[in-house]
Amino acid sequence: MKTTQYFQYTRQRPDRAVIKDEWIEQVVRSPLREEIQSDGRIRRWARIPEMENRPLRVILLEDGETVHNAFFDRNFKE
């Protein structure tokens, strides 16, 4: 999985350390929803059953494969 330095840095936070690589890869492969940001980055969401079905948001760079950010999104609406 390709990642940015920003992702590697924020991954050290306790609230982000619980997010497994396999969950991120699941969101990238099979999102429930996808949006393109004005800067070209891609937002993808999927629910994670192991985390009480909480929605995980993954931000990818414009290349569609480099992970820039990943976090549980309290404001997600399907």
PDB file of N, CA and C in Angstrom:
ATOM      1  N   MET A   1       0.853  -1.172   0.000  1.00  0.00           N
ATOM      2  CA  MET A   1       0.000   0.000   0.000  1.00  0.00           C
ATOM      3  C   MET A   1       0.901   1.238   0.000  1.00  0.00           C
ATOM      4  N   LYS A   2       0.697   2.098  -0.974  1.00  0.00           N
ATOM      5  CA  LYS A   2       1.465   3.338  -1.044  1.00  0.00           C
ATOM      6  C   LYS A   2       0.813   4.375  -0.133  1.00  0.00           C
ATOM      7  N   THR A   3       1.649   5.111   0.610  1.00  0.00           N
ATOM      8  CA  THR A   3       1.138   6.126   1.530  1.00  0.00           C
ATOM      9  C   THR A   3       1.996   7.384   1.456  1.00  0.00           C
ATOM     10  N   THR A   4       1.421   8.486   1.927  1.00  0.00           N
ATOM     11  CA  THR A   4       2.173   9.736   2.022  1.00  0.00           C
ATOM     12  C   THR A   4       2.848   9.819   3.390  1.00  0.00           C
ATOM     13  N   GLN A   5       3.802  10.728   3.523  1.00  0.00           N
ATOM     14  CA  GLN A   5       4.439  10.953   4.820  1.00  0.00           C
ATOM     15  C   GLN A   5       3.414  11.467   5.827  1.00  0.00           C
ATOM     16  N   TYR A   6       2.470  12.290   5.367  1.00  0.00           N
ATOM     17  CA  TYR A   6       1.426  12.801   6.244  1.00  0.00           C
ATOM     18  C   TYR A   6       0.630  11.638   6.855  1.00  0.00           C
ATOM     19  N   PHE A   7       0.272  10.660   6.032  1.00  0.00           N
ATOM     20  CA  PHE A   7      -0.456   9.501   6.528  1.00  0.00           C
ATOM     21  C   PHE A   7       0.359   8.755   7.573  1.00  0.00           C
ATOM     22  N   GLN A   8       1.625   8.530   7.294  1.00  0.00           N
ATOM     23  CA  GLN A   8       2.490   7.817   8.236  1.00  0.00           C
ATOM     24  C   GLN A   8       2.590   8.561   9.567  1.00  0.00           C
ATOM     25  N   TYR A   9       2.636   9.881   9.509  1.00  0.00           N
ATOM     26  CA  TYR A   9       2.702  10.695  10.721  1.00  0.00           C
ATOM     27  C   TYR A   9       1.391  10.609  11.518  1.00  0.00           C
ATOM     28  N   THR A  10       0.259  10.820  10.859  1.00  0.00           N
ATOM     29  CA  THR A  10      -1.023  10.822  11.573  1.00  0.00           C
ATOM     30  C   THR A  10      -1.399   9.425  12.057  1.00  0.00           C
ATOM     31  N   ARG A  11      -0.885   8.412  11.436  1.00  0.00           N
ATOM     32  CA  ARG A  11      -1.172   7.026  11.836  1.00  0.00           C
ATOM     33  C   ARG A  11      -0.649   6.733  13.239  1.00  0.00           C
ATOM     34  N   GLN A  12       0.261   7.524  13.725  1.00  0.00           N
ATOM     35  CA  GLN A  12       0.833   7.321  15.055  1.00  0.00           C
ATOM     36  C   GLN A  12      -0.116   7.769  16.166  1.00  0.00           C
ATOM     37  N   ARG A  13      -1.128   8.555  15.821  1.00  0.00           N
ATOM     38  CA  ARG A  13      -2.095   9.010  16.825  1.00  0.00           C
ATOM     39  C   ARG A  13      -2.892   7.813  17.345  1.00  0.00           C
ATOM     40  N   PRO A  14      -3.214   7.797  18.646  1.00  0.00           N
ATOM     41  CA  PRO A  14      -3.943   6.654  19.215  1.00  0.00           C
ATOM     42  C   PRO A  14      -5.274   6.356  18.517  1.00  0.00           C
ATOM     43  N   ASP A  15      -6.007   7.392  18.121  1.00  0.00           N
ATOM     44  CA  ASP A  15      -7.296   7.159  17.469  1.00  0.00           C
ATOM     45  C   ASP A  15      -7.144   6.620  16.047  1.00  0.00           C
ATOM     46  N   ARG A  16      -5.973   6.775  15.460  1.00  0.00           N
ATOM     47  CA  ARG A  16      -5.746   6.278  14.092  1.00  0.00           C
ATOM     48  C   ARG A  16      -4.983   4.957  14.076  1.00  0.00           C
ATOM     49  N   ALA A  17      -4.263   4.664  15.151  1.00  0.00           N
ATOM     50  CA  ALA A  17      -3.439   3.453  15.204  1.00  0.00           C
ATOM     51  C   ALA A  17      -4.281   2.177  15.134  1.00  0.00           C
ATOM     52  N   VAL A  18      -5.558   2.251  15.527  1.00  0.00           N
ATOM     53  CA  VAL A  18      -6.425   1.062  15.511  1.00  0.00           C
ATOM     54  C   VAL A  18      -6.888   0.695  14.103  1.00  0.00           C
ATOM     55  N   ILE A  19      -6.717   1.578  13.139  1.00  0.00           N
ATOM     56  CA  ILE A  19      -7.179   1.331  11.771  1.00  0.00           C
ATOM     57  C   ILE A  19      -6.221   0.373  11.067  1.00  0.00           C
ATOM     58  N   LYS A  20      -6.738  -0.771  10.686  1.00  0.00           N
ATOM     59  CA  LYS A  20      -5.918  -1.806  10.047  1.00  0.00           C
ATOM     60  C   LYS A  20      -5.747  -1.537   8.554  1.00  0.00           C
ATOM     61  N   ASP A  21      -4.575  -1.939   8.044  1.00  0.00           N
ATOM     62  CA  ASP A  21      -4.310  -1.801   6.611  1.00  0.00           C
ATOM     63  C   ASP A  21      -5.376  -2.510   5.777  1.00  0.00           C
ATOM     64  N   GLU A  22      -5.817  -3.672   6.233  1.00  0.00           N
ATOM     65  CA  GLU A  22      -6.815  -4.430   5.462  1.00  0.00           C
ATOM     66  C   GLU A  22      -8.124  -3.659   5.333  1.00  0.00           C
ATOM     67  N   TRP A  23      -8.484  -2.885   6.349  1.00  0.00           N
ATOM     68  CA  TRP A  23      -9.705  -2.077   6.277  1.00  0.00           C
ATOM     69  C   TRP A  23      -9.533  -0.968   5.245  1.00  0.00           C
ATOM     70  N   ILE A  24      -8.364  -0.337   5.263  1.00  0.00           N
ATOM     71  CA  ILE A  24      -8.087   0.726   4.290  1.00  0.00           C
ATOM     72  C   ILE A  24      -8.164   0.163   2.876  1.00  0.00           C
ATOM     73  N   GLU A  25      -7.540  -0.982   2.665  1.00  0.00           N
ATOM     74  CA  GLU A  25      -7.553  -1.614   1.345  1.00  0.00           C
ATOM     75  C   GLU A  25      -8.973  -1.982   0.923  1.00  0.00           C
ATOM     76  N   GLN A  26      -9.790  -2.414   1.878  1.00  0.00           N
ATOM     77  CA  GLN A  26     -11.199  -2.734   1.589  1.00  0.00           C
ATOM     78  C   GLN A  26     -11.950  -1.495   1.098  1.00  0.00           C
ATOM     79  N   VAL A  27     -11.723  -0.351   1.749  1.00  0.00           N
ATOM     80  CA  VAL A  27     -12.382   0.896   1.346  1.00  0.00           C
ATOM     81  C   VAL A  27     -11.919   1.300  -0.053  1.00  0.00           C
ATOM     82  N   VAL A  28     -10.625   1.178  -0.317  1.00  0.00           N
ATOM     83  CA  VAL A  28     -10.083   1.551  -1.629  1.00  0.00           C
ATOM     84  C   VAL A  28     -10.683   0.660  -2.721  1.00  0.00           C
ATOM     85  N   ARG A  29     -10.794  -0.627  -2.464  1.00  0.00           N
ATOM     86  CA  ARG A  29     -11.296  -1.583  -3.463  1.00  0.00           C
ATOM     87  C   ARG A  29     -12.809  -1.540  -3.647  1.00  0.00           C
ATOM     88  N   SER A  30     -13.537  -1.413  -2.534  1.00  0.00           N
ATOM     89  CA  SER A  30     -15.000  -1.547  -2.598  1.00  0.00           C
ATOM     90  C   SER A  30     -15.702  -0.453  -1.800  1.00  0.00           C
ATOM     91  N   PRO A  31     -15.622   0.780  -2.249  1.00  0.00           N
ATOM     92  CA  PRO A  31     -16.261   1.857  -1.484  1.00  0.00           C
ATOM     93  C   PRO A  31     -17.786   1.849  -1.623  1.00  0.00           C
ATOM     94  N   LEU A  32     -18.445   2.312  -0.560  1.00  0.00           N
ATOM     95  CA  LEU A  32     -19.889   2.548  -0.623  1.00  0.00           C
ATOM     96  C   LEU A  32     -20.168   3.828  -1.398  1.00  0.00           C
ATOM     97  N   ARG A  33     -19.253   4.777  -1.245  1.00  0.00           N
ATOM     98  CA  ARG A  33     -19.410   6.085  -1.882  1.00  0.00           C
ATOM     99  C   ARG A  33     -18.037   6.645  -2.219  1.00  0.00           C
ATOM    100  N   GLU A  34     -18.006   7.470  -3.269  1.00  0.00           N
ATOM    101  CA  GLU A  34     -16.758   8.122  -3.675  1.00  0.00           C
ATOM    102  C   GLU A  34     -17.066   9.544  -4.110  1.00  0.00           C
ATOM    103  N   GLU A  35     -16.183  10.451  -3.736  1.00  0.00           N
ATOM    104  CA  GLU A  35     -16.288  11.851  -4.160  1.00  0.00           C
ATOM    105  C   GLU A  35     -14.902  12.342  -4.571  1.00  0.00           C
ATOM    106  N   ILE A  36     -14.871  13.227  -5.543  1.00  0.00           N
ATOM    107  CA  ILE A  36     -13.630  13.864  -5.953  1.00  0.00           C
ATOM    108  C   ILE A  36     -13.608  15.261  -5.337  1.00  0.00           C
ATOM    109  N   GLN A  37     -12.549  15.562  -4.599  1.00  0.00           N
ATOM    110  CA  GLN A  37     -12.404  16.880  -3.990  1.00  0.00           C
ATOM    111  C   GLN A  37     -11.968  17.888  -5.043  1.00  0.00           C
ATOM    112  N   SER A  38     -12.094  19.162  -4.718  1.00  0.00           N
ATOM    113  CA  SER A  38     -11.715  20.219  -5.659  1.00  0.00           C
ATOM    114  C   SER A  38     -10.211  20.190  -5.973  1.00  0.00           C
ATOM    115  N   ASP A  39      -9.409  19.638  -5.068  1.00  0.00           N
ATOM    116  CA  ASP A  39      -7.960  19.554  -5.309  1.00  0.00           C
ATOM    117  C   ASP A  39      -7.569  18.274  -6.051  1.00  0.00           C
ATOM    118  N   GLY A  40      -8.565  17.471  -6.446  1.00  0.00           N
ATOM    119  CA  GLY A  40      -8.295  16.255  -7.209  1.00  0.00           C
ATOM    120  C   GLY A  40      -8.158  15.001  -6.359  1.00  0.00           C
ATOM    121  N   ARG A  41      -8.055  15.170  -5.050  1.00  0.00           N
ATOM    122  CA  ARG A  41      -7.968  13.996  -4.186  1.00  0.00           C
ATOM    123  C   ARG A  41      -9.318  13.281  -4.159  1.00  0.00           C
ATOM    124  N   ILE A  42      -9.263  11.992  -3.824  1.00  0.00           N
ATOM    125  CA  ILE A  42     -10.450  11.135  -3.887  1.00  0.00           C
ATOM    126  C   ILE A  42     -10.834  10.694  -2.481  1.00  0.00           C
ATOM    127  N   ARG A  43     -12.100  10.906  -2.145  1.00  0.00           N
ATOM    128  CA  ARG A  43     -12.635  10.433  -0.859  1.00  0.00           C
ATOM    129  C   ARG A  43     -13.419   9.157  -1.120  1.00  0.00           C
ATOM    130  N   ARG A  44     -13.160   8.140  -0.304  1.00  0.00           N
ATOM    131  CA  ARG A  44     -13.936   6.895  -0.384  1.00  0.00           C
ATOM    132  C   ARG A  44     -14.336   6.473   1.021  1.00  0.00           C
ATOM    133  N   TRP A  45     -15.542   5.920   1.112  1.00  0.00           N
ATOM    134  CA  TRP A  45     -16.070   5.449   2.387  1.00  0.00           C
ATOM    135  C   TRP A  45     -16.527   4.003   2.273  1.00  0.00           C
ATOM    136  N   ALA A  46     -16.423   3.286   3.386  1.00  0.00           N
ATOM    137  CA  ALA A  46     -17.033   1.959   3.524  1.00  0.00           C
ATOM    138  C   ALA A  46     -17.230   1.711   5.019  1.00  0.00           C
ATOM    139  N   ARG A  47     -18.197   0.886   5.327  1.00  0.00           N
ATOM    140  CA  ARG A  47     -18.452   0.536   6.733  1.00  0.00           C
ATOM    141  C   ARG A  47     -17.572  -0.650   7.124  1.00  0.00           C
ATOM    142  N   ILE A  48     -17.100  -0.631   8.376  1.00  0.00           N
ATOM    143  CA  ILE A  48     -16.208  -1.663   8.887  1.00  0.00           C
ATOM    144  C   ILE A  48     -16.961  -2.484   9.942  1.00  0.00           C
ATOM    145  N   PRO A  49     -17.392  -3.698   9.594  1.00  0.00           N
ATOM    146  CA  PRO A  49     -18.172  -4.516  10.530  1.00  0.00           C
ATOM    147  C   PRO A  49     -17.454  -4.769  11.859  1.00  0.00           C
ATOM    148  N   GLU A  50     -16.144  -4.959  11.826  1.00  0.00           N
ATOM    149  CA  GLU A  50     -15.377  -5.239  13.046  1.00  0.00           C
ATOM    150  C   GLU A  50     -15.350  -4.055  14.012  1.00  0.00           C
ATOM    151  N   MET A  51     -15.706  -2.873  13.527  1.00  0.00           N
ATOM    152  CA  MET A  51     -15.724  -1.672  14.364  1.00  0.00           C
ATOM    153  C   MET A  51     -17.156  -1.147  14.499  1.00  0.00           C
ATOM    154  N   GLU A  52     -18.080  -2.063  14.762  1.00  0.00           N
ATOM    155  CA  GLU A  52     -19.488  -1.724  14.972  1.00  0.00           C
ATOM    156  C   GLU A  52     -20.100  -1.005  13.767  1.00  0.00           C
ATOM    157  N   ASN A  53     -19.618  -1.378  12.583  1.00  0.00           N
ATOM    158  CA  ASN A  53     -20.138  -0.843  11.313  1.00  0.00           C
ATOM    159  C   ASN A  53     -19.881   0.650  11.135  1.00  0.00           C
ATOM    160  N   ARG A  54     -18.866   1.162  11.812  1.00  0.00           N
ATOM    161  CA  ARG A  54     -18.525   2.580  11.672  1.00  0.00           C
ATOM    162  C   ARG A  54     -17.981   2.835  10.269  1.00  0.00           C
ATOM    163  N   PRO A  55     -18.280   4.000   9.699  1.00  0.00           N
ATOM    164  CA  PRO A  55     -17.776   4.320   8.359  1.00  0.00           C
ATOM    165  C   PRO A  55     -16.320   4.804   8.406  1.00  0.00           C
ATOM    166  N   LEU A  56     -15.489   4.211   7.583  1.00  0.00           N
ATOM    167  CA  LEU A  56     -14.087   4.615   7.459  1.00  0.00           C
ATOM    168  C   LEU A  56     -13.940   5.432   6.185  1.00  0.00           C
ATOM    169  N   ARG A  57     -13.377   6.630   6.322  1.00  0.00           N
ATOM    170  CA  ARG A  57     -13.115   7.475   5.150  1.00  0.00           C
ATOM    171  C   ARG A  57     -11.638   7.370   4.822  1.00  0.00           C
ATOM    172  N   VAL A  58     -11.333   7.127   3.562  1.00  0.00           N
ATOM    173  CA  VAL A  58      -9.956   7.077   3.077  1.00  0.00           C
ATOM    174  C   VAL A  58      -9.802   8.152   2.019  1.00  0.00           C
ATOM    175  N   ILE A  59      -8.764   8.964   2.164  1.00  0.00           N
ATOM    176  CA  ILE A  59      -8.452  10.003   1.179  1.00  0.00           C
ATOM    177  C   ILE A  59      -7.262   9.519   0.359  1.00  0.00           C
ATOM    178  N   LEU A  60      -7.447   9.476  -0.949  1.00  0.00           N
ATOM    179  CA  LEU A  60      -6.379   9.069  -1.863  1.00  0.00           C
ATOM    180  C   LEU A  60      -5.888  10.277  -2.649  1.00  0.00           C
ATOM    181  N   LEU A  61      -4.634  10.227  -3.043  1.00  0.00           N
ATOM    182  CA  LEU A  61      -4.122  11.261  -3.947  1.00  0.00           C
ATOM    183  C   LEU A  61      -4.755  11.072  -5.317  1.00  0.00           C
ATOM    184  N   GLU A  62      -4.479  11.991  -6.204  1.00  0.00           N
ATOM    185  CA  GLU A  62      -5.076  11.989  -7.542  1.00  0.00           C
ATOM    186  C   GLU A  62      -4.802  10.706  -8.314  1.00  0.00           C
ATOM    187  N   ASP A  63      -3.719   9.986  -7.973  1.00  0.00           N
ATOM    188  CA  ASP A  63      -3.382   8.749  -8.687  1.00  0.00           C
ATOM    189  C   ASP A  63      -4.338   7.605  -8.358  1.00  0.00           C
ATOM    190  N   GLY A  64      -5.189   7.782  -7.333  1.00  0.00           N
ATOM    191  CA  GLY A  64      -6.175   6.773  -6.988  1.00  0.00           C
ATOM    192  C   GLY A  64      -5.646   5.586  -6.215  1.00  0.00           C
ATOM    193  N   GLU A  65      -4.373   5.626  -5.828  1.00  0.00           N
ATOM    194  CA  GLU A  65      -3.818   4.486  -5.085  1.00  0.00           C
ATOM    195  C   GLU A  65      -2.982   4.870  -3.870  1.00  0.00           C
ATOM    196  N   THR A  66      -2.507   6.104  -3.795  1.00  0.00           N
ATOM    197  CA  THR A  66      -1.688   6.532  -2.663  1.00  0.00           C
ATOM    198  C   THR A  66      -2.582   7.060  -1.551  1.00  0.00           C
ATOM    199  N   VAL A  67      -2.495   6.430  -0.367  1.00  0.00           N
ATOM    200  CA  VAL A  67      -3.334   6.808   0.768  1.00  0.00           C
ATOM    201  C   VAL A  67      -2.732   8.029   1.460  1.00  0.00           C
ATOM    202  N   HIS A  68      -3.548   9.067   1.593  1.00  0.00           N
ATOM    203  CA  HIS A  68      -3.123  10.308   2.241  1.00  0.00           C
ATOM    204  C   HIS A  68      -3.685  10.435   3.661  1.00  0.00           C
ATOM    205  N   ASN A  69      -4.871   9.856   3.890  1.00  0.00           N
ATOM    206  CA  ASN A  69      -5.496   9.965   5.202  1.00  0.00           C
ATOM    207  C   ASN A  69      -6.528   8.855   5.344  1.00  0.00           C
ATOM    208  N   ALA A  70      -6.794   8.450   6.577  1.00  0.00           N
ATOM    209  CA  ALA A  70      -7.824   7.456   6.860  1.00  0.00           C
ATOM    210  C   ALA A  70      -8.319   7.682   8.281  1.00  0.00           C
ATOM    211  N   PHE A  71      -9.636   7.769   8.426  1.00  0.00           N
ATOM    212  CA  PHE A  71     -10.207   7.995   9.746  1.00  0.00           C
ATOM    213  C   PHE A  71     -11.675   7.595   9.749  1.00  0.00           C
ATOM    214  N   PHE A  72     -12.190   7.309  10.945  1.00  0.00           N
ATOM    215  CA  PHE A  72     -13.609   7.014  11.086  1.00  0.00           C
ATOM    216  C   PHE A  72     -14.384   8.319  11.031  1.00  0.00           C
ATOM    217  N   ASP A  73     -15.360   8.355  10.142  1.00  0.00           N
ATOM    218  CA  ASP A  73     -16.086   9.586   9.820  1.00  0.00           C
ATOM    219  C   ASP A  73     -17.454   9.608  10.511  1.00  0.00           C
ATOM    220  N   ARG A  74     -17.560  10.394  11.564  1.00  0.00           N
ATOM    221  CA  ARG A  74     -18.823  10.482  12.316  1.00  0.00           C
ATOM    222  C   ARG A  74     -19.943  11.139  11.517  1.00  0.00           C
ATOM    223  N   ASN A  75     -19.587  11.927  10.522  1.00  0.00           N
ATOM    224  CA  ASN A  75     -20.594  12.692   9.766  1.00  0.00           C
ATOM    225  C   ASN A  75     -21.048  12.021   8.471  1.00  0.00           C
ATOM    226  N   PHE A  76     -20.597  10.788   8.224  1.00  0.00           N
ATOM    227  CA  PHE A  76     -20.942  10.104   6.980  1.00  0.00           C
ATOM    228  C   PHE A  76     -22.442   9.837   6.905  1.00  0.00           C
ATOM    229  N   LYS A  77     -23.005  10.145   5.738  1.00  0.00           N
ATOM    230  CA  LYS A  77     -24.406   9.851   5.458  1.00  0.00           C
ATOM    231  C   LYS A  77     -24.478   9.153   4.118  1.00  0.00           C
ATOM    232  N   GLU A  78     -25.141   8.013   4.110  1.00  0.00           N
ATOM    233  CA  GLU A  78     -25.233   7.245   2.854  1.00  0.00           C
ATOM    234  C   GLU A  78     -26.231   7.840   1.912  1.00  0.00           C
TER     235      GLU A  78
END
